Each structure stands twice: as structure tokens, then as C-alpha cells.
C-alpha atoms as a PDB file:
ATOM      1  CA  MET A   1     -68.651 -22.789  20.368  1.00  0.00           C
ATOM      2  CA  ALA A   2     -66.961 -25.873  18.903  1.00  0.00           C
ATOM      3  CA  GLU A   3     -66.498 -24.152  15.538  1.00  0.00           C
ATOM      4  CA  ASP A   4     -65.187 -21.077  17.407  1.00  0.00           C
ATOM      5  CA  LEU A   5     -62.293 -23.097  19.217  1.00  0.00           C
ATOM      6  CA  THR A   6     -61.347 -24.913  16.164  1.00  0.00           C
ATOM      7  CA  LEU A   7     -60.699 -21.867  14.238  1.00  0.00           C
ATOM      8  CA  SER A   8     -59.045 -20.419  17.243  1.00  0.00           C
ATOM      9  CA  SER A   9     -56.587 -23.205  17.361  1.00  0.00           C
ATOM     10  CA  GLN A  10     -56.141 -23.138  13.517  1.00  0.00           C
ATOM     11  CA  LEU A  11     -55.489 -19.176  13.512  1.00  0.00           C
ATOM     12  CA  SER A  12     -52.747 -20.036  16.772  1.00  0.00           C
ATOM     13  CA  SER A  13     -51.223 -22.662  14.554  1.00  0.00           C
ATOM     14  CA  PHE A  14     -50.679 -20.329  11.695  1.00  0.00           C
ATOM     15  CA  LYS A  15     -48.936 -17.790  13.851  1.00  0.00           C
ATOM     16  CA  VAL A  16     -47.014 -20.625  15.579  1.00  0.00           C
ATOM     17  CA  THR A  17     -45.785 -21.920  12.257  1.00  0.00           C
ATOM     18  CA  GLY A  18     -45.116 -18.292  10.741  1.00  0.00           C
ATOM     19  CA  ALA A  19     -43.061 -17.750  13.713  1.00  0.00           C
ATOM     20  CA  ASN A  20     -40.637 -20.666  13.025  1.00  0.00           C
ATOM     21  CA  SER A  21     -40.778 -19.968   9.430  1.00  0.00           C
ATOM     22  CA  ARG A  22     -39.685 -16.209   9.767  1.00  0.00           C
ATOM     23  CA  THR A  23     -37.350 -17.669  12.394  1.00  0.00           C
ATOM     24  CA  GLY A  24     -36.054 -20.401   9.906  1.00  0.00           C
ATOM     25  CA  TYR A  25     -35.514 -17.948   7.447  1.00  0.00           C
ATOM     26  CA  LEU A  26     -33.820 -15.583   9.627  1.00  0.00           C
ATOM     27  CA  ARG A  27     -31.249 -18.430  10.774  1.00  0.00           C
ATOM     28  CA  ASN A  28     -30.848 -19.180   7.348  1.00  0.00           C
ATOM     29  CA  GLY A  29     -29.831 -16.039   6.296  1.00  0.00           C
ATOM     30  CA  ILE A  30     -27.453 -15.460   9.256  1.00  0.00           C
ATOM     31  CA  GLY A  31     -26.027 -19.075   8.411  1.00  0.00           C
ATOM     32  CA  ASP A  32     -25.604 -17.643   4.812  1.00  0.00           C
ATOM     33  CA  ILE A  33     -23.736 -14.626   5.466  1.00  0.00           C
ATOM     34  CA  LEU A  34     -21.444 -16.053   8.216  1.00  0.00           C
ATOM     35  CA  PRO A  35     -19.141 -17.720   6.101  1.00  0.00           C
ATOM     36  CA  ILE A  36     -18.628 -14.457   3.922  1.00  0.00           C
ATOM     37  CA  ALA A  37     -18.390 -12.143   6.738  1.00  0.00           C
ATOM     38  CA  PRO A  38     -14.686 -12.174   6.954  1.00  0.00           C
ATOM     39  CA  LEU A  39     -14.705 -10.933   3.327  1.00  0.00           C
ATOM     40  CA  VAL A  40     -17.348  -8.395   3.646  1.00  0.00           C
ATOM     41  CA  ILE A  41     -15.321  -6.775   6.442  1.00  0.00           C
ATOM     42  CA  PHE A  42     -12.100  -6.979   4.603  1.00  0.00           C
ATOM     43  CA  LEU A  43     -13.581  -5.283   1.723  1.00  0.00           C
ATOM     44  CA  LEU A  44     -15.107  -2.560   3.919  1.00  0.00           C
ATOM     45  CA  VAL A  45     -11.945  -1.864   5.889  1.00  0.00           C
ATOM     46  CA  PHE A  46      -9.379  -2.124   3.347  1.00  0.00           C
ATOM     47  CA  PHE A  47     -11.399  -0.988   0.086  1.00  0.00           C
ATOM     48  CA  LEU A  48     -14.662   0.713   0.372  1.00  0.00           C
ATOM     49  CA  TRP A  49     -13.263   2.825   3.800  1.00  0.00           C
ATOM     50  CA  PRO A  50     -10.130   3.724   1.723  1.00  0.00           C
ATOM     51  CA  ILE A  51     -11.544   4.706  -1.305  1.00  0.00           C
ATOM     52  CA  SER A  52     -14.030   6.779   0.303  1.00  0.00           C
ATOM     53  CA  ALA A  53     -11.462   8.800   1.998  1.00  0.00           C
ATOM     54  CA  VAL A  54     -10.173   9.416  -1.094  1.00  0.00           C
ATOM     55  CA  PHE A  55     -13.256  10.367  -2.741  1.00  0.00           C
ATOM     56  CA  VAL A  56     -14.161  13.126  -0.018  1.00  0.00           C
ATOM     57  CA  ASN A  57     -10.498  14.324   0.807  1.00  0.00           C
ATOM     58  CA  ALA A  58     -10.356  15.101  -3.137  1.00  0.00           C
ATOM     59  CA  PHE A  59     -13.018  17.784  -2.959  1.00  0.00           C
ATOM     60  CA  LYS A  60     -10.875  19.482   0.183  1.00  0.00           C
ATOM     61  CA  ASP A  61      -8.420  22.080  -0.323  1.00  0.00           C
ATOM     62  CA  ASN A  62      -5.418  22.767   2.537  1.00  0.00           C
ATOM     63  CA  ASP A  63      -7.908  24.507   4.810  1.00  0.00           C
ATOM     64  CA  GLY A  64     -10.372  21.546   4.830  1.00  0.00           C
ATOM     65  CA  THR A  65     -13.160  23.510   2.598  1.00  0.00           C
ATOM     66  CA  PHE A  66     -14.908  21.887  -0.246  1.00  0.00           C
ATOM     67  CA  THR A  67     -13.300  22.679  -3.512  1.00  0.00           C
ATOM     68  CA  TRP A  68     -13.153  21.496  -7.229  1.00  0.00           C
ATOM     69  CA  SER A  69      -9.435  22.830  -8.135  1.00  0.00           C
ATOM     70  CA  ASN A  70      -7.672  19.465  -7.443  1.00  0.00           C
ATOM     71  CA  TYR A  71      -9.784  18.053  -9.858  1.00  0.00           C
ATOM     72  CA  LEU A  72      -9.574  20.639 -12.247  1.00  0.00           C
ATOM     73  CA  LEU A  73      -5.712  20.347 -12.058  1.00  0.00           C
ATOM     74  CA  LEU A  74      -5.351  17.310 -13.330  1.00  0.00           C
ATOM     75  CA  PHE A  75      -6.847  18.203 -17.004  1.00  0.00           C
ATOM     76  CA  GLN A  76      -3.632  20.508 -16.791  1.00  0.00           C
ATOM     77  CA  ASP A  77      -0.050  19.673 -17.556  1.00  0.00           C
ATOM     78  CA  PRO A  78       1.965  18.130 -15.919  1.00  0.00           C
ATOM     79  CA  TYR A  79      -0.936  16.180 -14.277  1.00  0.00           C
ATOM     80  CA  ARG A  80      -2.630  15.824 -17.774  1.00  0.00           C
ATOM     81  CA  ARG A  81       0.577  14.259 -19.631  1.00  0.00           C
ATOM     82  CA  ALA A  82       1.203  12.059 -16.881  1.00  0.00           C
ATOM     83  CA  PHE A  83      -2.308  10.199 -17.034  1.00  0.00           C
ATOM     84  CA  TYR A  84      -1.425  10.141 -20.855  1.00  0.00           C
ATOM     85  CA  ASN A  85       1.760   8.418 -20.339  1.00  0.00           C
ATOM     86  CA  SER A  86       0.447   5.959 -17.429  1.00  0.00           C
ATOM     87  CA  VAL A  87      -2.273   4.808 -19.701  1.00  0.00           C
ATOM     88  CA  ARG A  88      -0.279   4.522 -22.682  1.00  0.00           C
ATOM     89  CA  LEU A  89       2.529   2.441 -20.614  1.00  0.00           C
ATOM     90  CA  GLY A  90       0.070   0.316 -19.212  1.00  0.00           C
ATOM     91  CA  ILE A  91      -2.162  -0.523 -22.488  1.00  0.00           C
ATOM     92  CA  ILE A  92       1.419  -1.388 -24.540  1.00  0.00           C
ATOM     93  CA  SER A  93       3.006  -2.995 -21.753  1.00  0.00           C
ATOM     94  CA  ALA A  94      -0.563  -5.085 -21.063  1.00  0.00           C
ATOM     95  CA  LEU A  95      -0.155  -5.949 -25.066  1.00  0.00           C
ATOM     96  CA  THR A  96       3.213  -6.800 -25.007  1.00  0.00           C
ATOM     97  CA  GLY A  97       3.040  -9.220 -21.991  1.00  0.00           C
ATOM     98  CA  ALA A  98      -0.804 -10.787 -22.715  1.00  0.00           C
ATOM     99  CA  ILE A  99       0.206 -11.805 -26.271  1.00  0.00           C
ATOM    100  CA  PRO A 100       3.110 -13.597 -25.835  1.00  0.00           C
ATOM    101  CA  GLY A 101       2.176 -15.058 -22.661  1.00  0.00           C
ATOM    102  CA  ALA A 102      -1.094 -16.240 -23.867  1.00  0.00           C
ATOM    103  CA  LEU A 103       0.964 -17.937 -26.729  1.00  0.00           C
ATOM    104  CA  ILE A 104       3.307 -19.376 -24.547  1.00  0.00           C
ATOM    105  CA  ALA A 105       0.658 -20.898 -22.069  1.00  0.00           C
ATOM    106  CA  LEU A 106      -1.310 -22.307 -25.458  1.00  0.00           C
ATOM    107  CA  ILE A 107       2.220 -24.167 -26.501  1.00  0.00           C
ATOM    108  CA  ILE A 108       2.684 -25.540 -23.144  1.00  0.00           C
ATOM    109  CA  GLU A 109      -0.961 -26.957 -22.595  1.00  0.00           C
ATOM    110  CA  LYS A 110      -1.036 -28.283 -26.095  1.00  0.00           C
ATOM    111  CA  ILE A 111       2.627 -30.172 -26.426  1.00  0.00           C
ATOM    112  CA  GLY A 112       4.014 -30.032 -22.501  1.00  0.00           C
ATOM    113  CA  GLY A 113       3.292 -32.734 -20.202  1.00  0.00           C
ATOM    114  CA  ASN A 114       2.575 -32.345 -16.888  1.00  0.00           C
ATOM    115  CA  ARG A 115       5.984 -32.069 -15.227  1.00  0.00           C
ATOM    116  CA  LEU A 116       6.663 -29.298 -17.831  1.00  0.00           C
ATOM    117  CA  LYS A 117       3.744 -27.111 -16.544  1.00  0.00           C
ATOM    118  CA  LYS A 118       4.749 -27.292 -13.282  1.00  0.00           C
ATOM    119  CA  ILE A 119       8.120 -26.091 -14.003  1.00  0.00           C
ATOM    120  CA  VAL A 120       6.943 -23.368 -16.145  1.00  0.00           C
ATOM    121  CA  ALA A 121       4.482 -22.366 -13.272  1.00  0.00           C
ATOM    122  CA  SER A 122       7.530 -22.106 -10.920  1.00  0.00           C
ATOM    123  CA  VAL A 123       9.697 -20.154 -12.861  1.00  0.00           C
ATOM    124  CA  SER A 124       6.832 -18.197 -13.691  1.00  0.00           C
ATOM    125  CA  GLY A 125       6.174 -17.461  -9.989  1.00  0.00           C
ATOM    126  CA  VAL A 126       9.392 -16.720  -9.734  1.00  0.00           C
ATOM    127  CA  LEU A 127       9.613 -14.152 -12.278  1.00  0.00           C
ATOM    128  CA  ALA A 128       6.081 -12.858 -12.046  1.00  0.00           C
ATOM    129  CA  ASN A 129       7.168 -11.515  -8.229  1.00  0.00           C
ATOM    130  CA  THR A 130       9.994  -9.985  -9.468  1.00  0.00           C
ATOM    131  CA  GLY A 131      10.118  -6.489  -9.620  1.00  0.00           C
ATOM    132  CA  GLY A 132      11.084  -2.924  -8.011  1.00  0.00           C
ATOM    133  CA  VAL A 133      14.483  -1.833  -7.581  1.00  0.00           C
ATOM    134  CA  PRO A 134      16.118  -5.610  -7.646  1.00  0.00           C
ATOM    135  CA  LEU A 135      14.688  -5.875 -11.390  1.00  0.00           C
ATOM    136  CA  ALA A 136      15.778  -2.215 -12.180  1.00  0.00           C
ATOM    137  CA  PHE A 137      19.415  -3.177 -11.129  1.00  0.00           C
ATOM    138  CA  MET A 138      19.266  -6.631 -13.225  1.00  0.00           C
ATOM    139  CA  PHE A 139      18.414  -4.964 -16.572  1.00  0.00           C
ATOM    140  CA  LEU A 140      21.146  -2.276 -15.526  1.00  0.00           C
ATOM    141  CA  ALA A 141      23.678  -4.879 -15.167  1.00  0.00           C
ATOM    142  CA  ALA A 142      22.656  -6.504 -18.256  1.00  0.00           C
ATOM    143  CA  PHE A 143      21.264  -3.627 -20.930  1.00  0.00           C
ATOM    144  CA  GLY A 144      22.947  -0.712 -19.282  1.00  0.00           C
ATOM    145  CA  PRO A 145      25.217   1.653 -21.112  1.00  0.00           C
ATOM    146  CA  GLU A 146      28.165  -0.775 -19.746  1.00  0.00           C
ATOM    147  CA  GLY A 147      25.812  -3.924 -19.070  1.00  0.00           C
ATOM    148  CA  LEU A 148      27.338  -7.595 -19.724  1.00  0.00           C
ATOM    149  CA  ALA A 149      24.884  -7.922 -22.717  1.00  0.00           C
ATOM    150  CA  THR A 150      25.373  -4.582 -24.586  1.00  0.00           C
ATOM    151  CA  LEU A 151      29.081  -4.621 -24.378  1.00  0.00           C
ATOM    152  CA  SER A 152      28.464  -8.381 -25.963  1.00  0.00           C
ATOM    153  CA  LEU A 153      26.344  -7.077 -28.814  1.00  0.00           C
ATOM    154  CA  LYS A 154      28.955  -3.716 -29.150  1.00  0.00           C
ATOM    155  CA  ALA A 155      31.829  -6.451 -29.475  1.00  0.00           C
ATOM    156  CA  LEU A 156      29.851  -8.102 -32.314  1.00  0.00           C
ATOM    157  CA  GLY A 157      29.342  -4.852 -33.830  1.00  0.00           C
ATOM    158  CA  ILE A 158      25.765  -3.712 -32.701  1.00  0.00           C
ATOM    159  CA  ASP A 159      25.686  -0.677 -30.827  1.00  0.00           C
ATOM    160  CA  ILE A 160      21.773  -0.359 -29.514  1.00  0.00           C
ATOM    161  CA  TYR A 161      22.638   2.885 -27.646  1.00  0.00           C
ATOM    162  CA  GLY A 162      24.148   4.135 -30.606  1.00  0.00           C
ATOM    163  CA  HIS A 163      21.002   3.820 -32.427  1.00  0.00           C
ATOM    164  CA  GLY A 164      18.707   5.965 -29.737  1.00  0.00           C
ATOM    165  CA  PHE A 165      18.006   3.042 -27.606  1.00  0.00           C
ATOM    166  CA  THR A 166      18.212   3.607 -23.736  1.00  0.00           C
ATOM    167  CA  LEU A 167      16.712   1.716 -20.863  1.00  0.00           C
ATOM    168  CA  PHE A 168      15.763   5.305 -19.090  1.00  0.00           C
ATOM    169  CA  SER A 169      13.011   5.613 -21.361  1.00  0.00           C
ATOM    170  CA  PHE A 170       9.270   4.854 -22.392  1.00  0.00           C
ATOM    171  CA  TRP A 171      10.311   1.701 -24.473  1.00  0.00           C
ATOM    172  CA  GLY A 172      13.151   0.979 -21.939  1.00  0.00           C
ATOM    173  CA  LEU A 173      10.194   0.630 -19.298  1.00  0.00           C
ATOM    174  CA  VAL A 174       8.000  -1.450 -21.767  1.00  0.00           C
ATOM    175  CA  ILE A 175      11.088  -3.809 -22.184  1.00  0.00           C
ATOM    176  CA  ILE A 176      11.478  -3.850 -18.344  1.00  0.00           C
ATOM    177  CA  TYR A 177       7.660  -4.542 -17.535  1.00  0.00           C
ATOM    178  CA  SER A 178       7.389  -7.582 -20.091  1.00  0.00           C
ATOM    179  CA  TYR A 179       9.932  -9.468 -17.523  1.00  0.00           C
ATOM    180  CA  PHE A 180       7.151  -9.767 -15.283  1.00  0.00           C
ATOM    181  CA  GLN A 181       3.853  -9.187 -17.430  1.00  0.00           C
ATOM    182  CA  ILE A 182       4.574 -12.205 -19.000  1.00  0.00           C
ATOM    183  CA  PRO A 183       4.805 -14.943 -16.389  1.00  0.00           C
ATOM    184  CA  ILE A 184       1.731 -13.169 -14.679  1.00  0.00           C
ATOM    185  CA  MET A 185      -0.081 -13.895 -18.342  1.00  0.00           C
ATOM    186  CA  VAL A 186       1.406 -17.517 -18.175  1.00  0.00           C
ATOM    187  CA  ILE A 187      -0.065 -18.153 -14.854  1.00  0.00           C
ATOM    188  CA  ILE A 188      -3.315 -16.446 -14.857  1.00  0.00           C
ATOM    189  CA  PHE A 189      -4.135 -17.404 -18.646  1.00  0.00           C
ATOM    190  CA  SER A 190      -3.509 -20.972 -18.197  1.00  0.00           C
ATOM    191  CA  PRO A 191      -6.261 -21.860 -16.289  1.00  0.00           C
ATOM    192  CA  ALA A 192      -8.716 -20.737 -19.100  1.00  0.00           C
ATOM    193  CA  ILE A 193      -6.876 -22.904 -21.625  1.00  0.00           C
ATOM    194  CA  GLU A 194      -7.467 -25.976 -19.300  1.00  0.00           C
ATOM    195  CA  ALA A 195     -11.103 -25.567 -19.052  1.00  0.00           C
ATOM    196  CA  ILE A 196     -11.231 -25.853 -22.957  1.00  0.00           C
ATOM    197  CA  ARG A 197     -12.812 -29.582 -22.828  1.00  0.00           C
ATOM    198  CA  LYS A 198     -11.384 -31.667 -25.663  1.00  0.00           C
ATOM    199  CA  GLU A 199     -14.555 -33.250 -26.185  1.00  0.00           C
ATOM    200  CA  TRP A 200     -15.226 -29.888 -27.627  1.00  0.00           C
ATOM    201  CA  HIS A 201     -12.814 -30.456 -30.463  1.00  0.00           C
ATOM    202  CA  ASP A 202     -13.444 -33.881 -31.008  1.00  0.00           C
ATOM    203  CA  ALA A 203     -17.273 -32.930 -31.519  1.00  0.00           C
ATOM    204  CA  SER A 204     -16.366 -30.173 -33.969  1.00  0.00           C
ATOM    205  CA  GLN A 205     -13.996 -32.729 -36.119  1.00  0.00           C
ATOM    206  CA  SER A 206     -16.953 -35.460 -36.171  1.00  0.00           C
ATOM    207  CA  LEU A 207     -19.225 -32.738 -37.491  1.00  0.00           C
ATOM    208  CA  GLY A 208     -16.666 -31.916 -39.836  1.00  0.00           C
ATOM    209  CA  ALA A 209     -15.079 -28.820 -38.846  1.00  0.00           C
ATOM    210  CA  SER A 210     -11.261 -27.974 -39.093  1.00  0.00           C
ATOM    211  CA  ASN A 211      -8.884 -26.896 -36.839  1.00  0.00           C
ATOM    212  CA  TYR A 212      -9.030 -23.218 -38.105  1.00  0.00           C
ATOM    213  CA  GLN A 213     -12.854 -23.430 -37.878  1.00  0.00           C
ATOM    214  CA  TYR A 214     -12.707 -24.931 -34.235  1.00  0.00           C
ATOM    215  CA  TRP A 215     -10.772 -22.200 -32.815  1.00  0.00           C
ATOM    216  CA  ARG A 216     -12.821 -19.415 -35.074  1.00  0.00           C
ATOM    217  CA  PHE A 217     -16.388 -20.215 -33.705  1.00  0.00           C
ATOM    218  CA  ILE A 218     -15.578 -22.052 -30.473  1.00  0.00           C
ATOM    219  CA  GLY A 219     -11.998 -22.051 -28.862  1.00  0.00           C
ATOM    220  CA  ILE A 220     -11.232 -18.127 -29.507  1.00  0.00           C
ATOM    221  CA  PRO A 221     -14.742 -17.022 -28.550  1.00  0.00           C
ATOM    222  CA  ILE A 222     -14.290 -18.995 -25.122  1.00  0.00           C
ATOM    223  CA  LEU A 223     -11.022 -17.507 -24.303  1.00  0.00           C
ATOM    224  CA  ILE A 224     -11.577 -13.942 -25.302  1.00  0.00           C
ATOM    225  CA  PRO A 225     -13.353 -12.765 -22.113  1.00  0.00           C
ATOM    226  CA  SER A 226     -10.834 -14.658 -20.150  1.00  0.00           C
ATOM    227  CA  PHE A 227      -8.250 -12.805 -22.480  1.00  0.00           C
ATOM    228  CA  ILE A 228      -9.269  -9.436 -22.060  1.00  0.00           C
ATOM    229  CA  ALA A 229      -9.417  -9.903 -18.055  1.00  0.00           C
ATOM    230  CA  SER A 230      -5.683 -11.054 -18.182  1.00  0.00           C
ATOM    231  CA  PHE A 231      -5.066  -7.886 -20.078  1.00  0.00           C
ATOM    232  CA  LEU A 232      -6.981  -5.390 -17.832  1.00  0.00           C
ATOM    233  CA  LEU A 233      -4.865  -7.229 -15.031  1.00  0.00           C
ATOM    234  CA  LEU A 234      -1.726  -6.233 -16.811  1.00  0.00           C
ATOM    235  CA  PHE A 235      -2.814  -2.676 -17.535  1.00  0.00           C
ATOM    236  CA  ALA A 236      -3.536  -2.326 -13.867  1.00  0.00           C
ATOM    237  CA  SER A 237       0.116  -3.771 -12.636  1.00  0.00           C
ATOM    238  CA  ALA A 238       1.954  -1.710 -15.200  1.00  0.00           C
ATOM    239  CA  PHE A 239      -0.675   1.363 -14.933  1.00  0.00           C
ATOM    240  CA  SER A 240      -0.086   1.267 -11.113  1.00  0.00           C
ATOM    241  CA  ALA A 241       3.565   0.258 -10.811  1.00  0.00           C
ATOM    242  CA  PHE A 242       5.739   2.488  -8.852  1.00  0.00           C
ATOM    243  CA  ALA A 243       9.216   1.163  -7.757  1.00  0.00           C
ATOM    244  CA  THR A 244      10.809   0.054 -11.254  1.00  0.00           C
ATOM    245  CA  ALA A 245       9.437   3.154 -12.730  1.00  0.00           C
ATOM    246  CA  ARG A 246      11.260   5.387 -10.174  1.00  0.00           C
ATOM    247  CA  ALA A 247      14.478   3.411  -9.835  1.00  0.00           C
ATOM    248  CA  MET A 248      14.652   3.832 -14.057  1.00  0.00           C
ATOM    249  CA  THR A 249      13.132   7.075 -14.795  1.00  0.00           C
ATOM    250  CA  VAL A 250      14.525   9.245 -12.221  1.00  0.00           C
ATOM    251  CA  GLY A 251      12.075  11.721 -13.297  1.00  0.00           C
ATOM    252  CA  ASN A 252      12.174  11.516 -16.968  1.00  0.00           C
ATOM    253  CA  ILE A 253       8.995  10.678 -17.616  1.00  0.00           C
ATOM    254  CA  SER A 254       5.747  11.469 -15.873  1.00  0.00           C
ATOM    255  CA  LEU A 255       3.759   9.307 -14.506  1.00  0.00           C
ATOM    256  CA  VAL A 256       0.784   9.262 -12.018  1.00  0.00           C
ATOM    257  CA  PRO A 257       2.373   6.876  -9.562  1.00  0.00           C
ATOM    258  CA  LEU A 258       5.480   8.589  -9.454  1.00  0.00           C
ATOM    259  CA  ILE A 259       3.614  12.133  -8.664  1.00  0.00           C
ATOM    260  CA  ILE A 260       1.745  10.543  -6.139  1.00  0.00           C
ATOM    261  CA  GLY A 261       4.653   9.233  -4.384  1.00  0.00           C
ATOM    262  CA  THR A 262       6.493  12.796  -4.368  1.00  0.00           C
ATOM    263  CA  LEU A 263       3.263  13.975  -2.760  1.00  0.00           C
ATOM    264  CA  LEU A 264       3.953  11.242  -0.188  1.00  0.00           C
ATOM    265  CA  ASP A 265       7.321  12.370   0.201  1.00  0.00           C
ATOM    266  CA  GLY A 266       6.358  15.680   1.420  1.00  0.00           C
ATOM    267  CA  ASN A 267       7.581  17.559  -1.635  1.00  0.00           C
ATOM    268  CA  LEU A 268       4.029  19.424  -1.752  1.00  0.00           C
ATOM    269  CA  THR A 269       3.658  22.924  -3.319  1.00  0.00           C
ATOM    270  CA  VAL A 270       1.442  25.645  -2.163  1.00  0.00           C
ATOM    271  CA  ASN A 271      -2.647  24.644  -2.192  1.00  0.00           C
ATOM    272  CA  GLN A 272      -2.020  21.282  -3.410  1.00  0.00           C
ATOM    273  CA  PHE A 273      -2.108  18.960  -0.096  1.00  0.00           C
ATOM    274  CA  ASN A 274      -4.981  17.085  -1.392  1.00  0.00           C
ATOM    275  CA  LEU A 275      -3.943  16.706  -5.060  1.00  0.00           C
ATOM    276  CA  GLY A 276      -2.803  13.204  -4.279  1.00  0.00           C
ATOM    277  CA  TYR A 277      -6.067  12.071  -3.323  1.00  0.00           C
ATOM    278  CA  ALA A 278      -7.597  13.673  -6.652  1.00  0.00           C
ATOM    279  CA  LEU A 279      -4.786  11.876  -8.958  1.00  0.00           C
ATOM    280  CA  ALA A 280      -5.616   8.559  -6.955  1.00  0.00           C
ATOM    281  CA  MET A 281      -9.101   9.253  -7.554  1.00  0.00           C
ATOM    282  CA  GLY A 282      -8.680   9.721 -11.445  1.00  0.00           C
ATOM    283  CA  MET A 283      -6.727   6.152 -11.297  1.00  0.00           C
ATOM    284  CA  ILE A 284      -9.471   4.715  -9.930  1.00  0.00           C
ATOM    285  CA  ILE A 285     -12.121   6.311 -12.246  1.00  0.00           C
ATOM    286  CA  ILE A 286      -9.695   4.876 -15.054  1.00  0.00           C
ATOM    287  CA  ALA A 287      -9.621   1.331 -14.021  1.00  0.00           C
ATOM    288  CA  LEU A 288     -13.239   1.195 -13.535  1.00  0.00           C
ATOM    289  CA  ILE A 289     -13.852   2.379 -17.217  1.00  0.00           C
ATOM    290  CA  ALA A 290     -11.382  -0.276 -18.296  1.00  0.00           C
ATOM    291  CA  MET A 291     -13.801  -2.771 -16.669  1.00  0.00           C
ATOM    292  CA  ILE A 292     -16.672  -2.050 -19.068  1.00  0.00           C
ATOM    293  CA  PRO A 293     -15.327  -3.388 -22.530  1.00  0.00           C
ATOM    294  CA  TYR A 294     -15.017  -7.024 -20.343  1.00  0.00           C
ATOM    295  CA  LEU A 295     -18.269  -6.871 -18.652  1.00  0.00           C
ATOM    296  CA  ILE A 296     -19.934  -6.399 -22.271  1.00  0.00           C
ATOM    297  CA  ILE A 297     -17.793  -8.909 -24.070  1.00  0.00           C
ATOM    298  CA  GLN A 298     -18.685 -11.525 -20.924  1.00  0.00           C
ATOM    299  CA  ARG A 299     -22.359 -10.971 -20.837  1.00  0.00           C
ATOM    300  CA  LYS A 300     -22.060 -11.661 -24.841  1.00  0.00           C
ATOM    301  CA  THR A 301     -20.093 -14.397 -24.679  1.00  0.00           C
ATOM    302  CA  SER A 302     -22.148 -16.162 -21.594  1.00  0.00           C
ATOM    303  CA  ARG A 303     -25.201 -15.363 -23.600  1.00  0.00           C
ATOM    304  CA  TRP A 304     -23.718 -17.078 -26.712  1.00  0.00           C
ATOM    305  CA  LEU A 305     -22.699 -20.163 -24.566  1.00  0.00           C
ATOM    306  CA  HIS A 306     -26.108 -20.323 -23.231  1.00  0.00           C
END
């Protein structure tokens, strides 16, 4: 009888301990989730929900029935040409912003003091947030057919419009986008350069490595994932830009954001009511595909560092 009572008390104690343990795990789990709950709610409401709505509506026609026609139209002109122009503009604009921006950030980090860094960061922040119609007007006032810079160059015997250049073209957009792409690159790439420790350079020199070998085998491999991530951000910025392109091209260049904007304005053709959803879904798919090289390089770099 005494052994039965002892066994019963042990079982009761085990059940109570297990219950308390589960309760503790539950409380810890809730405590871990609560701090990120606002972020999760934000992603659900402003990211996943809209994307789900875009994905579903892209398969509907004007009557709300299932159809593939919206997606099939993306492979036909003018929509195929619009995607080609948008991707090309995003890649070239990202390159013209990423390379000079990275070099500027590297030079400022190596030779500039704290005061210069703050000045560059402040100026870059202002320039990076200048876009849309004001930016288009600035370039028209400076480099338009009768702009101040254009007339000044013409007085010096350089007629840029006489050689076929115009702001109202693809390469004109590339030049205008560089105005905010380069400052964005300076802002987002500078922390990656600051994260490189001076001790790594000193250690490589103590082992007999030259500056070229240090950057070839240590500095550049560490910076590559950050550079690619910054490049993708610039690509997304140019790929989805709307106001500046609409103000400058005036329909001369077919771009996906401009077509979506036209659909939102109500200029719809027959049986294309939900075409804008398909175009937006195509942009999302391209953005996801653009992330694949970054994920691969980041995994290889993290494996190399460890």
C-alpha cells in the first residue's frame, strides 16, 4: 500500500510538472511572438493580402470567371515590349547608380572624416528623395532643348541635341534616374564598408599580403552580397518608378508601370479590366527571380566566412 501511494504521488508530481512545463513553454512562445506581432500584422495587411488579391484577380475576366487570357497577353506586344523596356531600364539604371555610388562610398569611408561622412549622408538623403515631376522639371530646366546647361554648352560649340541626344528617350531616363540612384547607393552601401574591420587589413599585411590581395581575397568577397543587394534595390527602384517616367516620356517609351497607371486612370479597353493585375503580378515574379542570384551568393559567402 505504501509503495502504491508513493508511486501515485510521483505520477501526480510528474503530471503537475509536465503541465507547468507546457504552460511555461506556451507563455515563452507567446512572449516571443508578441514583440513581432505588429510586423506580422503589417505584412499580412499591406503585403500578403494585396499580393493575394492581385494573384486571384489576374485570373478573372470582366465577368469574374476564370481565364488565362490576362497572362497570355503579357507575352504579346505592346506588353512584352513594355516588360523588356522596364527590365532593361532597371538593369542599366541600377548599374549606372551602383558602381559610382559604391566608389563614392568607399572613397568617403577611406579618406573622409566623420564630419564629411555626415555631410555626404545628409546630401545623399535629400537627393535620394527627390523624384517625380519636380525632378523632371529640374532636368528640363537644365538639359532641356532650351535649358540653361544646354544653351551654355551650345555657346561653347557643343550642341548635344544636334548629335541626337534628348531627355525624352530611354537614355534620357537613365541619366535622370542616376540623380537619385547614386545617392541611394551611397546611403545603403556605406554601412557595408564601415563593417569591414581594420584588424582584417592589418592581419593580412602582417601575413605578407598586399593591398590588392587583401581586396581580392577578403574585402571584395565580403562586400559582394551587400553590393548585389544594393543593386537589386536600385533595380526595383527604377523598375517600378512611375512619376518621373510619365512626366518625361509622354508615351514615347512603353513601360509596365506606365501601362498600369493608364489602366488605373480608367482608360480600359474591352476585356482588359483585370489586365493591370496580371501586369502587376508579372512585376512581382520578375522581382522574385531577381532575388535568386543574391540568395545563392549570400549562402556561398556565409559558408566561406565560416
